[in-house]
Every structure is written in structure tokens, then in C-alpha cells.
C-alpha atoms as a PDB file:
ATOM      1  CA  GLY A   1       0.077   0.098  -0.081  1.00  0.00           C
ATOM      2  CA  LEU A   2       2.958   2.352   0.241  1.00  0.00           C
ATOM      3  CA  ARG A   3       3.234   2.729  -3.520  1.00  0.00           C
ATOM      4  CA  ASP A   4       0.139   4.531  -3.445  1.00  0.00           C
ATOM      5  CA  GLU A   5       1.748   7.215  -1.157  1.00  0.00           C
ATOM      6  CA  TYR A   6       4.920   7.914  -3.392  1.00  0.00           C
ATOM      7  CA  ARG A   7       3.809  11.106  -5.064  1.00  0.00           C
ATOM      8  CA  PRO A   8       5.561  14.751  -5.007  1.00  0.00           C
ATOM      9  CA  GLY A   9       4.890  16.791  -1.893  1.00  0.00           C
ATOM     10  CA  VAL A  10       4.291  13.479   0.431  1.00  0.00           C
ATOM     11  CA  LEU A  11       6.664  12.969   3.259  1.00  0.00           C
ATOM     12  CA  LEU A  12       6.515   9.347   4.482  1.00  0.00           C
ATOM     13  CA  LEU A  13       8.006   8.632   7.865  1.00  0.00           C
ATOM     14  CA  ILE A  14       9.177   4.749   8.167  1.00  0.00           C
ATOM     15  CA  GLU A  15       9.835   4.009  11.833  1.00  0.00           C
ATOM     16  CA  TRP A  16      11.857   0.853  11.322  1.00  0.00           C
ATOM     17  CA  PRO A  17      13.307   1.104   7.490  1.00  0.00           C
ATOM     18  CA  GLU A  18      15.594  -1.642   7.709  1.00  0.00           C
ATOM     19  CA  ARG A  19      12.485  -4.021   8.071  1.00  0.00           C
ATOM     20  CA  GLY A  20      11.402  -3.046   4.285  1.00  0.00           C
ATOM     21  CA  GLU A  21      14.961  -3.204   3.151  1.00  0.00           C
ATOM     22  CA  GLY A  22      14.665  -4.180  -0.563  1.00  0.00           C
ATOM     23  CA  ALA A  23      11.039  -3.029  -0.738  1.00  0.00           C
ATOM     24  CA  LEU A  24      11.527   0.727  -0.080  1.00  0.00           C
ATOM     25  CA  PRO A  25      13.583   3.256  -1.914  1.00  0.00           C
ATOM     26  CA  ALA A  26      16.571   4.949  -0.102  1.00  0.00           C
ATOM     27  CA  GLY A  27      15.715   7.405   2.559  1.00  0.00           C
ATOM     28  CA  ASP A  28      15.630  11.127   1.743  1.00  0.00           C
ATOM     29  CA  LEU A  29      15.775  12.057   5.542  1.00  0.00           C
ATOM     30  CA  ILE A  30      17.394  10.604   8.543  1.00  0.00           C
ATOM     31  CA  VAL A  31      15.413  11.585  11.664  1.00  0.00           C
ATOM     32  CA  GLN A  32      16.626  11.148  15.207  1.00  0.00           C
ATOM     33  CA  LEU A  33      13.683  11.916  17.688  1.00  0.00           C
ATOM     34  CA  GLU A  34      14.969  13.591  20.732  1.00  0.00           C
ATOM     35  CA  PHE A  35      12.854  15.961  22.695  1.00  0.00           C
ATOM     36  CA  ASP A  36      13.754  18.690  24.937  1.00  0.00           C
ATOM     37  CA  ALA A  37      11.898  20.509  27.620  1.00  0.00           C
ATOM     38  CA  ALA A  38      10.120  22.337  24.899  1.00  0.00           C
ATOM     39  CA  ARG A  39       9.373  19.076  23.198  1.00  0.00           C
ATOM     40  CA  ARG A  40      11.246  19.913  19.759  1.00  0.00           C
ATOM     41  CA  LEU A  41      12.500  17.554  17.304  1.00  0.00           C
ATOM     42  CA  ALA A  42      16.501  17.583  17.890  1.00  0.00           C
ATOM     43  CA  SER A  43      17.948  16.251  14.666  1.00  0.00           C
ATOM     44  CA  VAL A  44      16.942  15.880  11.115  1.00  0.00           C
ATOM     45  CA  ALA A  45      19.913  15.259   8.523  1.00  0.00           C
ATOM     46  CA  PRO A  46      19.353  15.025   4.852  1.00  0.00           C
ATOM     47  CA  GLY A  47      19.957  11.612   3.150  1.00  0.00           C
ATOM     48  CA  SER A  48      19.657  13.022  -0.388  1.00  0.00           C
ATOM     49  CA  ARG A  49      19.062  16.421  -2.170  1.00  0.00           C
ATOM     50  CA  LEU A  50      15.463  16.010  -1.748  1.00  0.00           C
ATOM     51  CA  GLY A  51      15.994  15.511   1.983  1.00  0.00           C
ATOM     52  CA  THR A  52      17.934  18.647   2.162  1.00  0.00           C
ATOM     53  CA  LEU A  53      14.931  20.495   0.752  1.00  0.00           C
ATOM     54  CA  TRP A  54      12.357  18.702   3.271  1.00  0.00           C
ATOM     55  CA  ARG A  55      14.712  19.593   6.196  1.00  0.00           C
ATOM     56  CA  ALA A  56      14.536  23.189   5.269  1.00  0.00           C
ATOM     57  CA  GLN A  57      10.804  23.029   4.862  1.00  0.00           C
ATOM     58  CA  LEU A  58      10.537  21.154   8.514  1.00  0.00           C
ATOM     59  CA  SER A  59      12.954  23.747   9.884  1.00  0.00           C
ATOM     60  CA  ARG A  60      11.042  26.909   8.874  1.00  0.00           C
ATOM     61  CA  GLU A  61       7.622  25.181  10.100  1.00  0.00           C
ATOM     62  CA  PHE A  62       8.561  23.521  13.326  1.00  0.00           C
ATOM     63  CA  ALA A  63      11.688  25.379  14.512  1.00  0.00           C
ATOM     64  CA  LEU A  64      13.614  22.093  14.252  1.00  0.00           C
ATOM     65  CA  GLN A  65      17.499  22.172  15.375  1.00  0.00           C
ATOM     66  CA  VAL A  66      19.189  20.819  12.589  1.00  0.00           C
END
């Protein structure tokens, strides 16, 4: 069912991507969930050029630390 979701402008977050190895494309973002006292996401690293664009968008909208 995930193939139906692959389209421009959609960000899919996969909690355990290694379980889909061979079936999932390479990741565009590497997200490390760490919450501080203000409950902010602490780390988002790009895994590709598209990931760099997603990280910039998320940083603007959610005040992420990158």
C-alpha cells in the first residue's frame, strides 16, 4: 500500500526502514527523535538532495534544530 503514497509533496516517515530493506527506496531524511523540555525535534539530517529541501521546510515550520 505504500506505493500509492509515493507522489510529489508527500513525506512518509518509516519508523523501522530496515524491516523494508529491498522494498523501500533509499531514505531522503534521517530523523533522530529527541525531545527537549520544549518538546522539539532535535535532529534531522538530509540523506539526499530532496532530504535537504524537506529539512529546510520542516525547520521553517517546526523550529527544528538541524
